[in-house]
């Protein structure tokens, strides 16, 4: 191994990986507990392998170790996505995932190899030490390749099309780990690349990351608002949240490039907190979506409704997850986005015109994406669980068992991070100020805000109830223009989001999906033509091996 230092395999804990380990520790036990009830026990070993491979990515301290762990994570997740491979849609989703996954892996390995060659070492510590001396062209190449590689795994544009296909195709437990943890592992890779291995980033690179993140968040929020399938809606919501994280990373890099280390540290703190909050509540929502699928045998919101009674144990947890995903107080989603807003507002107070302009754009983008998320999750809970059943399919009432504790546990964590964000912010603050030293930065003013704002709608509801009791409330049948009121008279998911479709209908057509389908068709045609190489004769395969060996010897000489 000493003769080939680029193949050195080294593992060890690091400070930057600690928050993502904490996320994995919070989510993985709940997901494994849920699989004992919902799915075949045979899925459990593969889930454990997936969890271990993600832990290995976080522990990797060399290029070879990272590449091996990353590929193991991709393959384990691919097997989980293809669990129901007998369905054609699942096979197509698996193909999209593997295509994007291997394109991303090639970009990541190329980027790390370039950085290792510059540092004359393939250990992460040595690569980080040599970051300041990177030539400009090499820095650009490494960051762009890393953004494509890690961004494609995280669900950032333009290679996000695999995510709304693969996540709904996988079992609920796999979807929870994929969206709640694996996407954030890709965020960890982006942090490594942008804050350690290729730091400091130039202003054009930082702006590129910021713009990619903003467009990703807007796209994910828009598609989540108009989606009618529950699991695809959650997948698009993950794209929106990853876009927010990537835009904050770009803002942190831009702050560093403009000489504002305290602002950059605040942005990194907000980024890490949002990543953890999103991982927890999105895992909760996917587990709850699995319960909905078990109860109604469909995830199509147009055929759901009236599930509140059958879903009596999971509904409160699902409600908490929807509130958090819509960034409503006093849940973790609100606390995370409030902290991000604080970072952008601090950007407005700087003397840099560039930071002021980008802060205005970022605030507008975050507000728009948050509004779209509110539409999506009001629709998910209101149309999916409330009202009368839209289908005559029998719904088995949910029974309480040990596995039902899993979403409840994640709901408690989501509530705790919203009511007492300092539990996570204090250790994250130490990490942020270690990565980006900033003298004098203290704890941001987050804890009191969610509680006071949450008290306002509660007080309003109590006041309205008391006023209604005093004046008296007249109850009449629902008016449906003279027709009998049936389940078909209710608002559907399509009708709920129709104003968004009318205003932004042209943007809901995904040209990227069309291009991806065309590329996939070309690859499949080439693969069918390549079958001629599979002659089925041992002598032909031996000839292939001989030709390959001769070619390697010639190149190596």
Protein backbone atom coordinates (compact mmCIF):
# COMPACT_ATOMS: atom_id res chain seq x y z
CA UNK A 1 0.00 0.00 0.00
CA UNK A 2 2.98 2.31 0.59
CA UNK A 3 3.84 2.07 -3.14
CA UNK A 4 0.34 3.30 -4.01
CA UNK A 5 -0.51 6.15 -1.60
CA UNK A 6 -3.61 7.00 -3.62
CA UNK A 7 -5.09 3.65 -2.52
CA UNK A 8 -4.58 4.34 1.17
CA UNK A 9 -7.75 3.52 3.15
CA UNK A 10 -8.10 5.56 6.33
CA UNK A 11 -11.07 6.09 8.63
CA UNK A 12 -11.54 8.28 11.68
CA UNK A 13 -13.95 10.71 13.37
CA UNK A 14 -13.96 14.43 12.56
CA UNK A 15 -15.71 17.43 14.04
CA UNK A 16 -17.55 18.31 10.81
CA UNK A 17 -19.10 14.84 10.61
CA UNK A 18 -20.46 14.98 14.19
CA UNK A 19 -23.83 16.68 13.39
CA UNK A 20 -24.51 14.17 10.62
CA UNK A 21 -23.65 11.29 12.93
CA UNK A 22 -26.14 12.75 15.41
CA UNK A 23 -28.79 12.84 12.66
CA UNK A 24 -28.05 9.23 11.74
CA UNK A 25 -28.29 8.22 15.40
CA UNK A 26 -31.67 9.96 15.76
CA UNK A 27 -33.26 8.58 12.59
CA UNK A 28 -31.81 5.09 12.04
CA UNK A 29 -33.23 3.41 15.21
CA UNK A 30 -36.72 4.77 14.45
CA UNK A 31 -36.58 3.55 10.85
CA UNK A 32 -35.32 0.09 11.83
CA UNK A 33 -38.02 -0.13 14.49
CA UNK A 34 -40.70 0.73 11.95
CA UNK A 35 -39.58 -1.95 9.50
CA UNK A 36 -40.34 -4.69 12.02
CA UNK A 37 -44.05 -4.01 11.60
CA UNK A 38 -44.53 -2.73 8.10
CA UNK A 39 -42.34 -4.79 5.80
CA UNK A 40 -40.69 -8.15 5.41
CA UNK A 41 -38.00 -8.84 7.96
CA UNK A 42 -35.69 -9.66 5.04
CA UNK A 43 -35.30 -5.92 4.37
CA UNK A 44 -33.71 -5.35 7.75
CA UNK A 45 -30.15 -6.58 6.90
CA UNK A 46 -30.05 -4.35 3.84
CA UNK A 47 -31.19 -1.36 5.88
CA UNK A 48 -28.43 -2.07 8.41
CA UNK A 49 -25.86 -2.24 5.58
CA UNK A 50 -27.17 1.07 4.26
CA UNK A 51 -26.83 2.71 7.68
CA UNK A 52 -23.30 1.34 8.13
CA UNK A 53 -22.24 2.53 4.67
CA UNK A 54 -23.45 6.06 5.46
CA UNK A 55 -21.50 5.95 8.72
CA UNK A 56 -18.44 4.83 6.73
CA UNK A 57 -18.78 7.87 4.44
CA UNK A 58 -18.75 10.12 7.50
CA UNK A 59 -15.68 8.34 8.89
CA UNK A 60 -13.66 8.27 5.65
CA UNK A 61 -10.39 10.20 5.89
CA UNK A 62 -8.82 9.39 2.52
CA UNK A 63 -9.91 9.49 -1.10
CA UNK A 64 -9.92 5.70 -1.50
CA UNK A 65 -11.87 5.17 1.74
CA UNK A 66 -14.40 7.81 0.73
CA UNK A 67 -14.84 6.32 -2.75
CA UNK A 68 -15.38 2.81 -1.36
CA UNK A 69 -17.86 3.99 1.28
CA UNK A 70 -19.69 6.20 -1.19
CA UNK A 71 -20.09 3.36 -3.69
CA UNK A 72 -21.27 1.01 -0.92
CA UNK A 73 -23.86 3.60 0.11
CA UNK A 74 -25.05 3.97 -3.48
CA UNK A 75 -25.34 0.23 -4.09
CA UNK A 76 -27.11 -0.46 -0.78
CA UNK A 77 -29.61 2.31 -1.47
CA UNK A 78 -30.07 1.07 -5.05
CA UNK A 79 -31.05 -2.39 -3.78
CA UNK A 80 -33.57 -0.71 -1.46
CA UNK A 81 -35.01 1.41 -4.28
CA UNK A 82 -35.39 -1.75 -6.36
CA UNK A 83 -37.19 -3.71 -3.64
CA UNK A 84 -40.34 -4.01 -5.75
CA UNK A 85 -38.43 -4.52 -9.00
CA UNK A 86 -41.27 -6.55 -10.53
CA UNK A 87 -42.99 -3.22 -11.25
CA UNK A 88 -41.92 -1.42 -14.40
CA UNK A 89 -42.06 2.03 -12.78
CA UNK A 90 -39.69 0.84 -10.04
CA UNK A 91 -37.19 -0.47 -12.60
CA UNK A 92 -37.26 2.86 -14.41
CA UNK A 93 -36.75 4.73 -11.14
CA UNK A 94 -33.83 2.44 -10.28
CA UNK A 95 -32.25 3.04 -13.67
CA UNK A 96 -32.52 6.83 -13.22
CA UNK A 97 -31.00 6.59 -9.75
CA UNK A 98 -28.06 4.43 -10.86
CA UNK A 99 -27.42 6.65 -13.90
CA UNK A 100 -27.26 9.86 -11.86
CA UNK A 101 -25.46 8.10 -9.00
CA UNK A 102 -22.61 6.91 -11.17
CA UNK A 103 -22.29 10.23 -13.01
CA UNK A 104 -22.06 11.91 -9.62
CA UNK A 105 -19.57 9.38 -8.27
CA UNK A 106 -17.32 9.88 -11.30
CA UNK A 107 -17.36 13.66 -10.73
CA UNK A 108 -16.63 13.27 -7.01
CA UNK A 109 -13.71 10.88 -7.48
CA UNK A 110 -12.25 13.06 -10.25
CA UNK A 111 -12.51 16.15 -8.05
CA UNK A 112 -10.88 14.46 -5.05
CA UNK A 113 -8.16 12.96 -7.27
CA UNK A 114 -7.29 16.40 -8.65
CA UNK A 115 -7.09 17.83 -5.13
CA UNK A 116 -5.01 14.89 -3.93
CA UNK A 117 -2.59 15.22 -6.83
CA UNK A 118 -2.09 18.89 -5.99
CA UNK A 119 -1.50 18.12 -2.30
CA UNK A 120 0.81 15.15 -3.15
CA UNK A 121 -1.28 13.19 -0.66
CA UNK A 122 -4.68 11.54 -0.74
CA UNK A 123 -5.39 11.98 2.97
CA UNK A 124 -8.16 14.47 3.70
CA UNK A 125 -6.10 16.32 6.32
CA UNK A 126 -3.29 16.96 3.81
CA UNK A 127 -5.73 18.01 1.09
CA UNK A 128 -7.30 20.54 3.47
CA UNK A 129 -3.88 21.95 4.42
CA UNK A 130 -2.99 22.47 0.75
CA UNK A 131 -6.29 24.19 -0.09
CA UNK A 132 -4.97 27.74 0.19
CA UNK A 133 -2.34 27.11 -2.51
CA UNK A 134 -4.76 25.73 -5.13
CA UNK A 135 -4.34 27.29 -8.59
CA UNK A 136 -7.42 29.18 -9.75
CA UNK A 137 -8.33 26.81 -12.59
CA UNK A 138 -7.93 23.74 -10.37
CA UNK A 139 -10.11 25.33 -7.68
CA UNK A 140 -12.85 26.01 -10.23
CA UNK A 141 -12.67 22.47 -11.63
CA UNK A 142 -12.74 20.86 -8.17
CA UNK A 143 -15.69 22.93 -6.95
CA UNK A 144 -17.75 22.48 -10.14
CA UNK A 145 -17.13 18.72 -10.18
CA UNK A 146 -17.95 18.50 -6.48
CA UNK A 147 -21.13 20.55 -6.95
CA UNK A 148 -22.27 18.23 -9.75
CA UNK A 149 -21.30 15.07 -7.87
CA UNK A 150 -22.58 15.85 -4.39
CA UNK A 151 -25.40 18.04 -5.69
CA UNK A 152 -26.78 15.25 -7.86
CA UNK A 153 -26.88 12.90 -4.86
CA UNK A 154 -28.51 15.60 -2.72
CA UNK A 155 -31.18 16.41 -5.31
CA UNK A 156 -29.93 19.78 -6.55
CA UNK A 157 -30.68 20.96 -10.07
CA UNK A 158 -30.17 19.97 -12.83
CA UNK A 159 -29.79 16.28 -11.82
CA UNK A 160 -32.65 16.18 -9.34
CA UNK A 161 -35.03 14.19 -11.58
CA UNK A 162 -34.11 10.83 -10.03
CA UNK A 163 -35.37 11.82 -6.58
CA UNK A 164 -39.16 12.10 -7.16
CA UNK A 165 -38.95 8.76 -8.98
CA UNK A 166 -36.74 6.74 -6.65
CA UNK A 167 -38.06 7.85 -3.27
CA UNK A 168 -41.72 6.96 -3.95
CA UNK A 169 -40.65 3.64 -5.51
CA UNK A 170 -38.76 2.52 -2.41
CA UNK A 171 -40.37 1.11 0.76
CA UNK A 172 -41.30 3.67 3.41
CA UNK A 173 -38.35 2.80 5.66
CA UNK A 174 -35.88 3.15 2.78
CA UNK A 175 -37.45 6.45 1.70
CA UNK A 176 -37.06 7.79 5.25
CA UNK A 177 -33.34 7.01 5.24
CA UNK A 178 -32.83 8.16 1.66
CA UNK A 179 -34.49 11.53 2.09
CA UNK A 180 -33.82 12.12 5.78
CA UNK A 181 -30.19 11.02 5.99
CA UNK A 182 -28.55 10.21 2.65
CA UNK A 183 -29.34 13.60 1.10
CA UNK A 184 -27.70 15.24 4.11
CA UNK A 185 -24.66 12.97 3.73
CA UNK A 186 -24.31 14.55 0.29
CA UNK A 187 -24.56 17.97 1.97
CA UNK A 188 -21.68 16.86 4.21
CA UNK A 189 -19.66 16.16 1.08
CA UNK A 190 -20.42 19.63 -0.25
CA UNK A 191 -19.29 21.15 3.04
CA UNK A 192 -16.03 19.21 2.86
CA UNK A 193 -15.42 20.41 -0.67
CA UNK A 194 -16.37 24.06 -0.25
CA UNK A 195 -15.25 24.82 3.33
CA UNK A 196 -12.12 22.67 3.64
CA UNK A 197 -10.72 21.11 0.47
CA UNK A 198 -11.13 24.03 -1.97
CA UNK A 199 -11.53 26.96 0.44
CA UNK A 200 -11.61 29.89 0.17
CA UNK A 201 -14.03 30.05 -2.74
CA UNK A 202 -13.98 32.97 -5.15
CA UNK A 203 -16.98 35.26 -5.52
CA UNK A 204 -18.09 33.76 -8.89
CA UNK A 205 -17.99 30.22 -7.43
CA UNK A 206 -19.92 31.28 -4.34
CA UNK A 207 -22.54 33.02 -6.47
CA UNK A 208 -22.87 29.91 -8.64
CA UNK A 209 -23.61 27.74 -5.61
CA UNK A 210 -26.06 30.36 -4.25
CA UNK A 211 -27.96 30.59 -7.55
CA UNK A 212 -28.13 26.80 -7.96
CA UNK A 213 -29.52 26.52 -4.44
CA UNK A 214 -32.14 29.23 -4.94
CA UNK A 215 -33.39 27.77 -8.23
CA UNK A 216 -33.49 24.29 -6.66
CA UNK A 217 -35.53 25.48 -3.68
CA UNK A 218 -38.04 27.33 -5.87
CA UNK A 219 -38.40 24.38 -8.24
CA UNK A 220 -38.86 21.87 -5.44
CA UNK A 221 -41.39 24.07 -3.66
CA UNK A 222 -43.40 24.69 -6.83
CA UNK A 223 -43.59 21.01 -7.78
CA UNK A 224 -44.47 20.02 -4.20
CA UNK A 225 -47.33 22.55 -4.21
CA UNK A 226 -48.94 21.06 -7.35
CA UNK A 227 -48.15 17.36 -6.76
CA UNK A 228 -51.04 15.00 -5.96
CA UNK A 229 -49.10 11.89 -4.90
CA UNK A 230 -48.09 12.02 -1.24
CA UNK A 231 -44.69 10.34 -1.56
CA UNK A 232 -43.73 12.36 -4.64
CA UNK A 233 -44.83 15.51 -2.79
CA UNK A 234 -42.43 14.62 0.03
CA UNK A 235 -39.66 13.97 -2.48
CA UNK A 236 -40.15 17.40 -4.08
CA UNK A 237 -40.18 18.92 -0.60
CA UNK A 238 -36.77 17.35 -0.03
CA UNK A 239 -35.52 19.06 -3.19
CA UNK A 240 -36.84 22.37 -1.84
CA UNK A 241 -35.09 21.93 1.51
CA UNK A 242 -31.83 20.82 -0.07
CA UNK A 243 -32.01 23.91 -2.27
CA UNK A 244 -32.29 26.06 0.84
CA UNK A 245 -29.25 24.36 2.37
CA UNK A 246 -27.18 24.78 -0.81
CA UNK A 247 -28.15 28.45 -1.12
CA UNK A 248 -27.07 29.09 2.49
CA UNK A 249 -23.76 27.33 1.74
CA UNK A 250 -23.27 29.66 -1.22
CA UNK A 251 -24.11 32.64 0.99
CA UNK A 252 -21.55 31.49 3.59
CA UNK A 253 -18.87 31.15 0.90
CA UNK A 254 -19.77 34.58 -0.49
CA UNK A 255 -19.53 36.11 2.99
CA UNK A 256 -16.05 34.66 3.39
CA UNK A 257 -15.01 35.97 -0.03
CA UNK A 258 -16.27 39.44 1.00
CA UNK A 259 -14.30 39.35 4.27
CA UNK A 260 -17.24 38.70 6.62
CA UNK A 261 -16.24 35.63 8.67
CA UNK A 262 -18.83 36.21 11.43
CA UNK A 263 -21.63 36.29 8.87
CA UNK A 264 -20.21 33.17 7.21
CA UNK A 265 -20.12 31.35 10.56
CA UNK A 266 -23.75 32.33 11.24
CA UNK A 267 -24.73 30.99 7.80
CA UNK A 268 -22.91 27.70 8.45
CA UNK A 269 -24.64 27.42 11.83
CA UNK A 270 -28.04 27.93 10.16
CA UNK A 271 -27.14 25.44 7.45
CA UNK A 272 -26.21 22.68 9.89
CA UNK A 273 -29.29 23.25 12.04
CA UNK A 274 -31.59 23.19 9.02
CA UNK A 275 -29.96 19.98 7.73
CA UNK A 276 -30.61 18.21 11.05
CA UNK A 277 -34.15 19.58 11.39
CA UNK A 278 -35.03 18.58 7.83
CA UNK A 279 -33.56 15.11 8.25
CA UNK A 280 -35.68 14.41 11.31
CA UNK A 281 -39.05 15.73 10.14
CA UNK A 282 -38.68 14.35 6.60
CA UNK A 283 -37.94 10.87 7.97
CA UNK A 284 -41.03 11.25 10.15
CA UNK A 285 -43.15 12.22 7.14
CA UNK A 286 -42.00 9.29 5.01
CA UNK A 287 -42.70 6.83 7.83
CA UNK A 288 -46.16 8.39 8.23
CA UNK A 289 -46.70 8.17 4.46
CA UNK A 290 -45.98 4.45 4.76
CA UNK A 291 -48.69 4.18 7.41
CA UNK A 292 -51.10 6.03 5.11
CA UNK A 293 -50.23 3.63 2.30
CA UNK A 294 -50.88 0.66 4.61
CA UNK A 295 -54.25 2.04 5.69
CA UNK A 296 -55.59 3.23 2.32
CA UNK A 297 -53.50 1.12 -0.13
CA UNK A 298 -52.74 4.25 -2.14
CA UNK A 299 -50.66 7.42 -1.78
CA UNK A 300 -52.73 9.38 -4.32
CA UNK A 301 -54.27 12.34 -2.50
CA UNK A 302 -57.19 12.33 -4.94
CA UNK A 303 -58.29 8.98 -3.46
CA UNK A 304 -57.51 9.68 0.20
CA UNK A 305 -59.44 11.62 2.82
CA UNK A 306 -61.25 10.65 5.98
CA UNK A 307 -58.21 8.81 7.34
CA UNK A 308 -58.14 10.54 10.70
CA UNK A 309 -60.06 7.81 12.53
CA UNK A 310 -58.22 4.87 10.96
CA UNK A 311 -54.89 6.67 11.39
CA UNK A 312 -55.48 7.61 15.03
CA UNK A 313 -51.96 6.87 16.39
CA UNK A 314 -49.93 8.16 13.44
CA UNK A 315 -52.04 11.26 12.65
CA UNK A 316 -50.62 13.46 15.46
CA UNK A 317 -47.06 12.66 14.42
CA UNK A 318 -47.93 13.28 10.76
CA UNK A 319 -49.48 16.62 11.76
CA UNK A 320 -46.30 17.63 13.60
CA UNK A 321 -44.22 16.70 10.54
CA UNK A 322 -46.47 18.73 8.23
CA UNK A 323 -46.24 21.78 10.50
CA UNK A 324 -42.45 21.48 10.60
CA UNK A 325 -42.17 21.05 6.81
CA UNK A 326 -44.39 24.11 6.31
CA UNK A 327 -42.00 26.06 8.62
CA UNK A 328 -44.74 26.89 11.13
CA UNK A 329 -43.97 27.59 14.81
CA UNK A 330 -43.14 26.17 17.24
CA UNK A 331 -41.52 23.31 15.28
CA UNK A 332 -37.93 22.79 14.15
CA UNK A 333 -38.64 23.82 10.55
CA UNK A 334 -39.62 27.30 11.68
CA UNK A 335 -36.64 27.65 14.02
CA UNK A 336 -34.25 26.60 11.22
CA UNK A 337 -35.70 28.98 8.63
CA UNK A 338 -35.87 31.80 11.19
CA UNK A 339 -32.13 31.35 11.75
CA UNK A 340 -31.53 31.40 7.99
CA UNK A 341 -33.56 34.60 7.71
CA UNK A 342 -31.37 36.09 10.45
CA UNK A 343 -28.25 35.29 8.43
CA UNK A 344 -29.71 36.96 5.32
CA UNK A 345 -30.90 39.97 7.33
CA UNK A 346 -27.38 40.39 8.74
CA UNK A 347 -26.21 40.44 5.12
CA UNK A 348 -28.40 43.49 4.54
CA UNK A 349 -26.59 45.31 7.36
CA UNK A 350 -23.13 44.89 5.83
CA UNK A 351 -21.29 47.52 3.83
CA UNK A 352 -20.93 45.21 0.81
CA UNK A 353 -23.37 46.07 -1.99
CA UNK A 354 -22.99 42.54 -3.41
CA UNK A 355 -23.97 40.95 -0.08
CA UNK A 356 -26.91 43.34 0.27
CA UNK A 357 -28.24 42.48 -3.19
CA UNK A 358 -27.82 38.74 -2.74
CA UNK A 359 -29.45 38.94 0.70
CA UNK A 360 -32.55 40.58 -0.80
CA UNK A 361 -32.78 37.89 -3.49
CA UNK A 362 -32.19 35.12 -0.98
CA UNK A 363 -34.88 36.45 1.39
CA UNK A 364 -37.40 36.67 -1.46
CA UNK A 365 -36.50 33.16 -2.62
CA UNK A 366 -36.75 31.66 0.87
CA UNK A 367 -40.09 33.38 1.53
CA UNK A 368 -41.50 32.11 -1.78
CA UNK A 369 -40.27 28.56 -1.22
CA UNK A 370 -41.70 28.59 2.32
CA UNK A 371 -45.07 29.74 0.97
CA UNK A 372 -45.08 26.92 -1.57
CA UNK A 373 -44.20 24.44 1.19
CA UNK A 374 -47.14 25.69 3.26
CA UNK A 375 -49.50 25.06 0.34
CA UNK A 376 -48.07 21.57 -0.17
CA UNK A 377 -48.39 20.42 3.44
CA UNK A 378 -51.76 22.02 4.17
CA UNK A 379 -52.91 20.04 1.13
CA UNK A 380 -51.15 16.86 2.31
CA UNK A 381 -52.79 16.83 5.72
CA UNK A 382 -56.10 18.52 4.90
CA UNK A 383 -56.92 16.60 1.74
CA UNK A 384 -55.23 13.38 2.78
CA UNK A 385 -56.55 12.91 6.30
CA UNK A 386 -59.50 15.23 6.91
CA UNK A 387 -62.97 15.23 5.42
CA UNK A 388 -64.84 12.16 4.16
CA UNK A 389 -63.24 9.15 2.44
CA UNK A 390 -62.96 9.58 -1.33
CA UNK A 391 -62.59 5.85 -1.88
CA UNK A 392 -64.79 2.91 -0.90
CA UNK A 393 -61.75 0.73 -0.26
CA UNK A 394 -61.89 -0.61 3.33
CA UNK A 395 -59.43 1.09 5.73
CA UNK A 396 -58.11 -1.09 8.51
CA UNK A 397 -57.81 0.92 11.74
CA UNK A 398 -54.25 1.44 12.90
CA UNK A 399 -53.26 -0.65 15.90
CA UNK A 400 -50.80 0.46 18.50
CA UNK A 401 -47.61 -1.59 18.77
CA UNK A 402 -43.93 -1.04 19.46
CA UNK A 403 -43.23 0.10 15.90
CA UNK A 404 -45.78 2.92 16.26
CA UNK A 405 -43.31 4.55 18.66
CA UNK A 406 -40.95 5.34 15.74
CA UNK A 407 -42.85 8.32 14.23
CA UNK A 408 -43.80 9.47 17.73
CA UNK A 409 -40.12 9.60 18.70
CA UNK A 410 -39.23 11.66 15.62
CA UNK A 411 -42.18 13.98 16.34
CA UNK A 412 -40.87 14.56 19.87
CA UNK A 413 -37.40 15.40 18.50
CA UNK A 414 -38.96 17.78 15.96
CA UNK A 415 -40.92 19.53 18.69
CA UNK A 416 -37.90 19.68 21.03
CA UNK A 417 -35.69 21.26 18.34
CA UNK A 418 -38.39 23.87 17.75
CA UNK A 419 -39.13 24.74 21.38
CA UNK A 420 -35.51 24.54 22.59
CA UNK A 421 -33.23 24.98 19.55
CA UNK A 422 -30.32 25.82 21.86
CA UNK A 423 -30.01 22.07 22.53
CA UNK A 424 -28.55 21.73 19.04
CA UNK A 425 -27.31 25.25 18.44
CA UNK A 426 -24.74 25.31 21.24
CA UNK A 427 -22.64 22.38 19.93
CA UNK A 428 -23.22 23.50 16.34
CA UNK A 429 -22.00 27.01 17.21
CA UNK A 430 -18.71 25.56 18.45
CA UNK A 431 -18.37 23.62 15.20
CA UNK A 432 -19.21 26.63 12.99
CA UNK A 433 -16.69 28.88 14.73
CA UNK A 434 -14.05 26.14 14.45
CA UNK A 435 -14.51 25.78 10.70
CA UNK A 436 -14.77 29.55 10.19
CA UNK A 437 -13.05 31.37 13.04
CA UNK A 438 -15.02 34.51 13.93
CA UNK A 439 -14.11 36.33 17.11
CA UNK A 440 -16.98 37.50 19.25
CA UNK A 441 -19.81 35.50 17.69
CA UNK A 442 -22.36 34.48 20.31
CA UNK A 443 -25.56 32.48 20.41
CA UNK A 444 -28.15 33.84 17.95
CA UNK A 445 -31.49 35.02 19.31
CA UNK A 446 -33.64 32.03 18.35
CA UNK A 447 -35.26 30.35 21.41
CA UNK A 448 -37.93 32.87 22.46
CA UNK A 449 -39.25 33.65 18.99
CA UNK A 450 -41.05 30.40 18.07
CA UNK A 451 -42.85 30.16 21.42
CA UNK A 452 -44.21 33.72 21.33
CA UNK A 453 -45.28 33.50 17.70
CA UNK A 454 -46.89 30.10 18.30
CA UNK A 455 -48.93 31.60 21.13
CA UNK A 456 -50.58 34.12 18.77
CA UNK A 457 -52.65 31.69 16.63
CA UNK A 458 -53.50 29.63 19.71
CA UNK A 459 -54.76 32.73 21.51
CA UNK A 460 -56.68 33.74 18.38
CA UNK A 461 -58.33 30.31 18.15
CA UNK A 462 -59.34 30.39 21.81
CA UNK A 463 -60.74 33.90 21.42
CA UNK A 464 -62.73 32.91 18.30
CA UNK A 465 -64.12 29.86 20.13
CA UNK A 466 -65.23 31.92 23.12
CA UNK A 467 -66.80 34.54 20.86
CA UNK A 468 -68.65 31.85 18.89
CA UNK A 469 -70.02 30.34 22.10
CA UNK A 470 -71.24 33.71 23.31
CA UNK A 471 -72.99 34.62 20.07
CA UNK A 472 -74.15 31.10 19.25
CA UNK A 473 -73.28 29.10 16.15
CA UNK A 474 -75.92 27.96 13.67
CA UNK A 475 -75.19 24.60 12.04
CA UNK A 476 -76.58 23.96 8.53
CA UNK A 477 -75.92 21.43 5.81
CA UNK A 478 -73.24 22.17 3.25
CA UNK A 479 -74.64 24.00 0.21
CA UNK A 480 -73.70 22.33 -3.10
CA UNK A 481 -75.93 24.25 -5.51
CA UNK A 482 -78.87 21.98 -4.82
CA UNK A 483 -77.02 18.73 -5.45
CA UNK A 484 -76.59 16.16 -2.67
CA UNK A 485 -73.37 16.66 -0.68
CA UNK A 486 -71.09 13.65 -1.25
CA UNK A 487 -67.41 12.90 -0.87
CA UNK A 488 -66.95 14.10 -4.46
CA UNK A 489 -68.07 17.58 -3.37
CA UNK A 490 -64.90 18.03 -1.32
CA UNK A 491 -61.86 19.97 -2.40
CA UNK A 492 -59.42 17.72 -4.23
CA UNK A 493 -55.65 18.05 -4.19
CA UNK A 494 -55.73 19.35 -7.77
CA UNK A 495 -58.39 21.95 -6.95
CA UNK A 496 -56.49 23.10 -3.87
CA UNK A 497 -53.34 23.86 -5.85
CA UNK A 498 -55.15 25.07 -8.98
CA UNK A 499 -54.39 28.79 -8.35
CA UNK A 500 -50.68 27.94 -8.38
CA UNK A 501 -51.13 25.96 -11.60
CA UNK A 502 -52.94 28.90 -13.22
CA UNK A 503 -50.27 31.43 -12.22
CA UNK A 504 -47.18 29.27 -12.80
CA UNK A 505 -48.50 26.55 -15.10
CA UNK A 506 -45.74 26.97 -17.69
CA UNK A 507 -43.07 26.35 -15.05
CA UNK A 508 -44.57 23.06 -13.88
CA UNK A 509 -43.48 21.32 -17.07
CA UNK A 510 -40.14 19.71 -16.33
CA UNK A 511 -37.87 20.07 -19.35
CA UNK A 512 -35.12 18.39 -17.34
CA UNK A 513 -37.25 15.28 -16.96
CA UNK A 514 -37.81 15.20 -20.72
CA UNK A 515 -34.08 15.49 -21.37
CA UNK A 516 -33.37 12.77 -18.80
CA UNK A 517 -35.85 10.43 -20.48
CA UNK A 518 -34.15 11.01 -23.84
CA UNK A 519 -30.70 10.32 -22.37
CA UNK A 520 -31.99 7.18 -20.65
CA UNK A 521 -33.48 5.96 -23.92
CA UNK A 522 -30.13 6.43 -25.71
CA UNK A 523 -28.25 4.59 -22.94
CA UNK A 524 -30.73 1.72 -23.06
CA UNK A 525 -30.38 1.42 -26.85
CA UNK A 526 -26.58 1.34 -26.54
CA UNK A 527 -26.86 -1.28 -23.78
CA UNK A 528 -29.04 -3.48 -26.00
CA UNK A 529 -26.51 -3.22 -28.82
CA UNK A 530 -23.68 -4.06 -26.40
CA UNK A 531 -25.30 -7.42 -25.67
CA UNK A 532 -23.43 -8.80 -28.68
CA UNK A 533 -20.32 -8.80 -26.49
CA UNK A 534 -22.00 -11.37 -24.22
CA UNK A 535 -21.27 -14.32 -26.50
CA UNK A 536 -21.76 -16.96 -23.81
CA UNK A 537 -18.47 -18.72 -24.70
CA UNK A 538 -15.58 -19.03 -22.26
CA UNK A 539 -13.01 -18.69 -25.05
CA UNK A 540 -14.40 -15.29 -26.03
CA UNK A 541 -14.26 -14.06 -22.44
CA UNK A 542 -10.66 -15.29 -22.10
CA UNK A 543 -9.82 -13.36 -25.25
CA UNK A 544 -11.32 -10.22 -23.69
CA UNK A 545 -9.16 -10.76 -20.60
CA UNK A 546 -6.02 -11.22 -22.73
CA UNK A 547 -6.69 -8.03 -24.73
CA UNK A 548 -7.33 -6.08 -21.52
CA UNK A 549 -4.12 -7.39 -19.91
CA UNK A 550 -2.02 -6.46 -22.95
CA UNK A 551 -3.58 -2.97 -23.04
CA UNK A 552 -2.85 -2.42 -19.32
CA UNK A 553 0.78 -3.53 -19.74
CA UNK A 554 1.27 -1.22 -22.72
CA UNK A 555 -0.23 1.76 -20.91
CA UNK A 556 1.66 1.05 -17.66
CA UNK A 557 4.97 0.78 -19.51
